[in-house]
C-alpha atoms as a PDB file:
ATOM      1  CA  MET A   1     -14.276   1.102   3.420  1.00  0.00           C
ATOM      2  CA  HIS A   2     -13.196   4.724   3.026  1.00  0.00           C
ATOM      3  CA  TRP A   3     -12.408   6.055  -0.444  1.00  0.00           C
ATOM      4  CA  VAL A   4     -11.187   9.410  -1.705  1.00  0.00           C
ATOM      5  CA  ASN A   5     -11.098  10.692  -5.271  1.00  0.00           C
ATOM      6  CA  VAL A   6      -7.589  11.414  -6.561  1.00  0.00           C
ATOM      7  CA  GLU A   7      -7.011  12.479 -10.177  1.00  0.00           C
ATOM      8  CA  GLY A   8     -10.332  10.916 -11.126  1.00  0.00           C
ATOM      9  CA  TYR A   9      -9.579   7.575  -9.458  1.00  0.00           C
ATOM     10  CA  PRO A  10     -11.111   6.200  -6.252  1.00  0.00           C
ATOM     11  CA  MET A  11      -8.267   5.532  -3.806  1.00  0.00           C
ATOM     12  CA  PRO A  12      -8.315   3.849  -0.399  1.00  0.00           C
ATOM     13  CA  ALA A  13      -8.035   6.544   2.269  1.00  0.00           C
ATOM     14  CA  PRO A  14      -4.691   6.390   4.116  1.00  0.00           C
ATOM     15  CA  VAL A  15      -5.510   4.824   7.485  1.00  0.00           C
ATOM     16  CA  GLY A  16      -2.617   2.501   8.359  1.00  0.00           C
ATOM     17  CA  GLY A  17      -0.132   5.105   9.578  1.00  0.00           C
ATOM     18  CA  HIS A  18       2.754   4.190   7.225  1.00  0.00           C
ATOM     19  CA  PRO A  19       3.091   4.118   3.416  1.00  0.00           C
ATOM     20  CA  ALA A  20       4.044   0.424   3.488  1.00  0.00           C
ATOM     21  CA  LEU A  21       0.826  -0.367   5.334  1.00  0.00           C
ATOM     22  CA  GLU A  22      -1.137   1.662   2.813  1.00  0.00           C
ATOM     23  CA  LEU A  23       0.318  -0.560   0.097  1.00  0.00           C
ATOM     24  CA  CYS A  24      -1.124  -3.553   1.941  1.00  0.00           C
ATOM     25  CA  ASN A  25      -4.334  -1.639   2.587  1.00  0.00           C
ATOM     26  CA  THR A  26      -5.086  -1.468  -1.113  1.00  0.00           C
ATOM     27  CA  TRP A  27      -6.697  -4.808  -0.204  1.00  0.00           C
ATOM     28  CA  ALA A  28      -8.882  -3.189   2.444  1.00  0.00           C
ATOM     29  CA  GLY A  29     -12.520  -4.146   2.644  1.00  0.00           C
ATOM     30  CA  TRP A  30     -12.220  -7.817   1.744  1.00  0.00           C
ATOM     31  CA  ALA A  31     -10.332 -10.899   2.850  1.00  0.00           C
ATOM     32  CA  ALA A  32      -6.802 -11.150   1.462  1.00  0.00           C
ATOM     33  CA  PRO A  33      -5.781 -12.125  -1.077  1.00  0.00           C
ATOM     34  CA  PRO A  34      -8.374 -10.263  -3.140  1.00  0.00           C
ATOM     35  CA  SER A  35     -10.098 -11.868  -6.070  1.00  0.00           C
ATOM     36  CA  PRO A  36      -9.146 -10.365  -9.473  1.00  0.00           C
ATOM     37  CA  GLU A  37     -12.512  -8.711  -9.963  1.00  0.00           C
ATOM     38  CA  ARG A  38     -12.120  -6.810  -6.684  1.00  0.00           C
ATOM     39  CA  GLU A  39      -8.644  -5.502  -7.485  1.00  0.00           C
ATOM     40  CA  TRP A  40      -8.827  -1.717  -7.751  1.00  0.00           C
ATOM     41  CA  LEU A  41      -5.122  -1.325  -8.569  1.00  0.00           C
ATOM     42  CA  ARG A  42      -5.559  -2.639 -12.092  1.00  0.00           C
ATOM     43  CA  ASP A  43      -3.422  -0.388 -14.274  1.00  0.00           C
ATOM     44  CA  TYR A  44      -0.121   1.475 -14.067  1.00  0.00           C
ATOM     45  CA  ASP A  45      -1.749   4.894 -14.220  1.00  0.00           C
ATOM     46  CA  ARG A  46      -3.597   4.192 -10.965  1.00  0.00           C
ATOM     47  CA  LEU A  47      -0.415   2.855  -9.399  1.00  0.00           C
ATOM     48  CA  ALA A  48       1.445   6.052 -10.268  1.00  0.00           C
ATOM     49  CA  VAL A  49      -1.379   8.210  -8.881  1.00  0.00           C
ATOM     50  CA  TRP A  50      -1.470   6.107  -5.711  1.00  0.00           C
ATOM     51  CA  THR A  51       2.253   6.660  -5.039  1.00  0.00           C
ATOM     52  CA  GLY A  52       1.598  10.396  -5.096  1.00  0.00           C
ATOM     53  CA  HIS A  53      -1.504   9.957  -2.936  1.00  0.00           C
ATOM     54  CA  VAL A  54       0.570   8.387  -0.126  1.00  0.00           C
ATOM     55  CA  GLN A  55       3.465  10.837  -0.738  1.00  0.00           C
ATOM     56  CA  LEU A  56       5.992   8.260  -1.875  1.00  0.00           C
ATOM     57  CA  LEU A  57       6.609  10.310  -5.043  1.00  0.00           C
ATOM     58  CA  THR A  58       6.157  13.970  -5.941  1.00  0.00           C
ATOM     59  CA  PRO A  59       3.287  15.169  -8.147  1.00  0.00           C
ATOM     60  CA  THR A  60       5.784  16.163 -10.856  1.00  0.00           C
ATOM     61  CA  THR A  61       7.302  12.688 -10.879  1.00  0.00           C
ATOM     62  CA  VAL A  62       3.863  11.082 -10.916  1.00  0.00           C
ATOM     63  CA  GLY A  63       2.910  13.136 -13.973  1.00  0.00           C
ATOM     64  CA  ARG A  64       6.026  12.005 -15.832  1.00  0.00           C
ATOM     65  CA  LEU A  65       5.412   8.372 -14.893  1.00  0.00           C
ATOM     66  CA  ARG A  66       1.836   8.464 -16.137  1.00  0.00           C
ATOM     67  CA  GLU A  67       2.948   9.829 -19.487  1.00  0.00           C
ATOM     68  CA  HIS A  68       5.802   7.317 -19.712  1.00  0.00           C
ATOM     69  CA  GLY A  69       3.463   4.464 -18.802  1.00  0.00           C
ATOM     70  CA  ARG A  70       1.053   5.382 -21.577  1.00  0.00           C
ATOM     71  CA  ARG A  71       3.923   5.303 -24.088  1.00  0.00           C
ATOM     72  CA  HIS A  72       5.201   1.908 -22.866  1.00  0.00           C
ATOM     73  CA  PRO A  73       2.139  -0.091 -21.760  1.00  0.00           C
ATOM     74  CA  ALA A  74       3.777  -3.537 -21.738  1.00  0.00           C
ATOM     75  CA  ALA A  75       6.659  -2.444 -19.522  1.00  0.00           C
ATOM     76  CA  ALA A  76       4.258  -0.507 -17.288  1.00  0.00           C
ATOM     77  CA  HIS A  77       2.099  -3.602 -16.874  1.00  0.00           C
ATOM     78  CA  ASP A  78       5.141  -5.632 -15.797  1.00  0.00           C
ATOM     79  CA  VAL A  79       5.869  -3.089 -13.058  1.00  0.00           C
ATOM     80  CA  LEU A  80       2.236  -3.191 -11.936  1.00  0.00           C
ATOM     81  CA  VAL A  81       2.364  -6.991 -11.627  1.00  0.00           C
ATOM     82  CA  ALA A  82       5.646  -6.822  -9.706  1.00  0.00           C
ATOM     83  CA  THR A  83       4.167  -4.241  -7.317  1.00  0.00           C
ATOM     84  CA  ARG A  84       1.204  -6.502  -6.608  1.00  0.00           C
ATOM     85  CA  LEU A  85       3.628  -9.348  -5.832  1.00  0.00           C
ATOM     86  CA  LEU A  86       5.524  -7.052  -3.467  1.00  0.00           C
ATOM     87  CA  ARG A  87       2.253  -6.167  -1.789  1.00  0.00           C
ATOM     88  CA  THR A  88       1.386  -9.838  -1.319  1.00  0.00           C
ATOM     89  CA  ALA A  89       4.791 -10.652   0.163  1.00  0.00           C
ATOM     90  CA  LEU A  90       4.759  -7.626   2.479  1.00  0.00           C
ATOM     91  CA  HIS A  91       1.256  -8.439   3.680  1.00  0.00           C
ATOM     92  CA  ASP A  92       2.305 -12.033   4.384  1.00  0.00           C
ATOM     93  CA  VAL A  93       5.464 -11.163   6.294  1.00  0.00           C
ATOM     94  CA  LEU A  94       3.697  -8.518   8.383  1.00  0.00           C
ATOM     95  CA  LEU A  95       1.126 -11.088   9.460  1.00  0.00           C
ATOM     96  CA  ASP A  96       3.707 -13.865   9.883  1.00  0.00           C
ATOM     97  CA  PRO A  97       7.279 -12.736  10.684  1.00  0.00           C
ATOM     98  CA  GLY A  98       8.398 -16.343  10.232  1.00  0.00           C
ATOM     99  CA  ASP A  99       7.456 -16.363   6.543  1.00  0.00           C
ATOM    100  CA  THR A 100      11.011 -16.399   5.196  1.00  0.00           C
ATOM    101  CA  ALA A 101       9.967 -16.701   1.535  1.00  0.00           C
ATOM    102  CA  ALA A 102       7.847 -13.566   1.791  1.00  0.00           C
ATOM    103  CA  PHE A 103      10.629 -11.719   3.592  1.00  0.00           C
ATOM    104  CA  ARG A 104      13.170 -12.689   0.930  1.00  0.00           C
ATOM    105  CA  HIS A 105      10.901 -11.334  -1.797  1.00  0.00           C
ATOM    106  CA  VAL A 106      10.491  -7.985  -0.023  1.00  0.00           C
ATOM    107  CA  ALA A 107      14.230  -7.870   0.724  1.00  0.00           C
ATOM    108  CA  GLU A 108      15.173  -8.484  -2.917  1.00  0.00           C
ATOM    109  CA  GLN A 109      13.046  -5.572  -4.095  1.00  0.00           C
ATOM    110  CA  ALA A 110      14.306  -3.348  -1.265  1.00  0.00           C
ATOM    111  CA  GLN A 111      17.893  -4.146  -2.237  1.00  0.00           C
ATOM    112  CA  ARG A 112      17.103  -3.139  -5.829  1.00  0.00           C
ATOM    113  CA  ALA A 113      15.887   0.194  -4.488  1.00  0.00           C
ATOM    114  CA  ALA A 114      18.915   0.610  -2.238  1.00  0.00           C
ATOM    115  CA  ALA A 115      21.270  -0.032  -5.162  1.00  0.00           C
ATOM    116  CA  VAL A 116      20.033   3.047  -7.025  1.00  0.00           C
ATOM    117  CA  ALA A 117      19.097   5.341  -4.109  1.00  0.00           C
ATOM    118  CA  VAL A 118      20.962   8.637  -3.770  1.00  0.00           C
ATOM    119  CA  LEU A 119      21.704  10.396  -0.465  1.00  0.00           C
ATOM    120  CA  GLU A 120      20.764  14.068  -0.747  1.00  0.00           C
ATOM    121  CA  SER A 121      20.639  17.025   1.622  1.00  0.00           C
ATOM    122  CA  ASP A 122      17.741  19.452   1.922  1.00  0.00           C
ATOM    123  CA  GLN A 123      17.868  23.180   2.734  1.00  0.00           C
ATOM    124  CA  ASP A 124      18.011  22.466   6.476  1.00  0.00           C
ATOM    125  CA  GLY A 125      20.993  20.176   6.045  1.00  0.00           C
ATOM    126  CA  LEU A 126      19.016  17.014   6.746  1.00  0.00           C
ATOM    127  CA  ALA A 127      20.035  14.050   4.634  1.00  0.00           C
ATOM    128  CA  HIS A 128      17.532  11.699   3.054  1.00  0.00           C
ATOM    129  CA  TRP A 129      17.553   8.927   0.487  1.00  0.00           C
ATOM    130  CA  THR A 130      15.824   9.545  -2.833  1.00  0.00           C
ATOM    131  CA  LEU A 131      15.224   7.432  -5.892  1.00  0.00           C
ATOM    132  CA  PRO A 132      16.455   9.038  -9.134  1.00  0.00           C
ATOM    133  CA  ASP A 133      13.987   9.630 -11.942  1.00  0.00           C
ATOM    134  CA  ASP A 134      16.198   7.749 -14.391  1.00  0.00           C
ATOM    135  CA  VAL A 135      14.970   4.405 -13.057  1.00  0.00           C
ATOM    136  CA  GLY A 136      11.842   5.244 -15.037  1.00  0.00           C
ATOM    137  CA  LEU A 137       8.761   3.079 -14.749  1.00  0.00           C
ATOM    138  CA  LEU A 138      10.262   1.116 -11.843  1.00  0.00           C
ATOM    139  CA  LEU A 139       9.889   4.102  -9.504  1.00  0.00           C
ATOM    140  CA  PRO A 140       6.541   3.084  -7.914  1.00  0.00           C
ATOM    141  CA  LEU A 141       7.794  -0.459  -7.272  1.00  0.00           C
ATOM    142  CA  LEU A 142      11.097   0.699  -5.792  1.00  0.00           C
ATOM    143  CA  ALA A 143       9.435   3.422  -3.727  1.00  0.00           C
ATOM    144  CA  GLY A 144       7.065   0.840  -2.273  1.00  0.00           C
ATOM    145  CA  ALA A 145       9.980  -1.508  -1.560  1.00  0.00           C
ATOM    146  CA  ARG A 146      11.902   1.254   0.234  1.00  0.00           C
ATOM    147  CA  ALA A 147       8.863   2.010   2.383  1.00  0.00           C
ATOM    148  CA  ALA A 148       8.506  -1.696   3.174  1.00  0.00           C
ATOM    149  CA  ALA A 149      12.160  -1.957   4.222  1.00  0.00           C
ATOM    150  CA  ASP A 150      11.781   1.179   6.353  1.00  0.00           C
ATOM    151  CA  LEU A 151       8.845  -0.343   8.238  1.00  0.00           C
ATOM    152  CA  LEU A 152      10.374  -3.801   8.629  1.00  0.00           C
ATOM    153  CA  SER A 153      13.630  -2.380   9.996  1.00  0.00           C
ATOM    154  CA  THR A 154      12.098  -0.299  12.792  1.00  0.00           C
ATOM    155  CA  PRO A 155      10.495  -1.238  16.130  1.00  0.00           C
ATOM    156  CA  ALA A 156       7.192   0.035  14.708  1.00  0.00           C
ATOM    157  CA  ARG A 157       7.031  -3.235  12.771  1.00  0.00           C
ATOM    158  CA  THR A 158       6.192  -5.070  16.016  1.00  0.00           C
ATOM    159  CA  GLU A 159       3.234  -2.756  16.618  1.00  0.00           C
ATOM    160  CA  VAL A 160       1.439  -3.563  13.357  1.00  0.00           C
ATOM    161  CA  ARG A 161      -2.039  -4.899  14.008  1.00  0.00           C
ATOM    162  CA  ALA A 162      -4.502  -6.483  11.606  1.00  0.00           C
ATOM    163  CA  CYS A 163      -8.253  -6.210  11.771  1.00  0.00           C
ATOM    164  CA  PRO A 164      -9.566  -9.597  12.944  1.00  0.00           C
ATOM    165  CA  ALA A 165     -12.637  -9.410  10.690  1.00  0.00           C
ATOM    166  CA  VAL A 166     -12.422 -11.996   7.898  1.00  0.00           C
ATOM    167  CA  ASP A 167     -14.008  -9.612   5.366  1.00  0.00           C
ATOM    168  CA  CYS A 168     -11.708  -6.658   6.083  1.00  0.00           C
ATOM    169  CA  GLY A 169      -7.962  -6.804   5.457  1.00  0.00           C
ATOM    170  CA  TRP A 170      -6.750  -3.474   6.894  1.00  0.00           C
ATOM    171  CA  LEU A 171      -3.387  -3.255   8.683  1.00  0.00           C
ATOM    172  CA  PHE A 172      -2.654  -0.540  11.249  1.00  0.00           C
ATOM    173  CA  LEU A 173       0.431   0.787  12.982  1.00  0.00           C
ATOM    174  CA  ASP A 174      -1.110   0.211  16.393  1.00  0.00           C
ATOM    175  CA  ARG A 175      -4.280  -0.815  18.190  1.00  0.00           C
ATOM    176  CA  ARG A 176      -5.506   2.780  18.450  1.00  0.00           C
ATOM    177  CA  GLY A 177      -5.660   3.082  14.680  1.00  0.00           C
ATOM    178  CA  ARG A 178      -7.556  -0.166  14.374  1.00  0.00           C
ATOM    179  CA  ARG A 179     -10.085   0.925  16.981  1.00  0.00           C
ATOM    180  CA  ARG A 180     -10.530   4.304  15.329  1.00  0.00           C
ATOM    181  CA  TRP A 181     -10.724   3.378  11.661  1.00  0.00           C
ATOM    182  CA  CYS A 182     -11.933  -0.183  11.624  1.00  0.00           C
ATOM    183  CA  SER A 183     -13.873  -1.047  14.738  1.00  0.00           C
ATOM    184  CA  MET A 184     -15.738   2.263  14.719  1.00  0.00           C
ATOM    185  CA  ALA A 185     -15.727   3.541  11.136  1.00  0.00           C
ATOM    186  CA  SER A 186     -15.689   0.477   8.915  1.00  0.00           C
ATOM    187  CA  CYS A 187     -16.267  -2.970  10.381  1.00  0.00           C
ATOM    188  CA  GLY A 188     -18.288  -1.495  13.206  1.00  0.00           C
ATOM    189  CA  ASN A 189     -20.673   0.080  10.720  1.00  0.00           C
ATOM    190  CA  ARG A 190     -20.960  -3.170   8.776  1.00  0.00           C
ATOM    191  CA  ALA A 191     -21.788  -4.990  11.997  1.00  0.00           C
ATOM    192  CA  LYS A 192     -24.494  -2.419  12.774  1.00  0.00           C
ATOM    193  CA  VAL A 193     -25.941  -2.789   9.273  1.00  0.00           C
ATOM    194  CA  ARG A 194     -26.020  -6.583   9.603  1.00  0.00           C
ATOM    195  CA  ALA A 195     -27.645  -6.353  13.025  1.00  0.00           C
ATOM    196  CA  TYR A 196     -30.255  -3.918  11.720  1.00  0.00           C
ATOM    197  CA  ALA A 197     -31.007  -6.164   8.712  1.00  0.00           C
ATOM    198  CA  ALA A 198     -31.405  -9.166  10.996  1.00  0.00           C
ATOM    199  CA  ARG A 199     -33.925  -7.309  13.135  1.00  0.00           C
ATOM    200  CA  GLN A 200     -36.004  -6.544  10.037  1.00  0.00           C
ATOM    201  CA  GLN A 201     -36.404 -10.217   9.146  1.00  0.00           C
ATOM    202  CA  PRO A 202     -39.912 -11.604   9.815  1.00  0.00           C
ATOM    203  CA  ASP A 203     -40.193 -14.204  12.566  1.00  0.00           C
END
């Protein structure tokens, strides 16, 4: 498992190739669904920092959300729980496109995001959808839902590959990513460690 330090928090390194996959990859390193004691995304402050880490929200917005979350802990906790549920549903539908219940859950949250999104133009004249700051604490949830809808509505969705190791959980945009990050850097290393330990056992 690869971790980086962001704003004092250990964060899973982005490896999946898409922000929606990184949301699922907050489970990386263990079989999904994770047990509560292995959940690293356990408060709203970390959730806000994570959305900046994967570039779903700007650093300025993340700073405002962290402050707002500290002032309204109960509401922030509700958003955290809802984001975990989105993560579960997205993970399930990516592994099983026929899971209609999971798809409906992701779609409902994506439609909430679409209802408040604003089409803006940048300096080059390119249009893009943004989520307004006035949705407040919901921003991380809605940003994650928009990323999920983006992935599920493109052909890239069919290229998503999961690591076959039962103790992993990573999702990747294609086989190359899985070979690079998982087979070689993560699961491959664990397999080498296990093989080495087995050789050290007395006969």
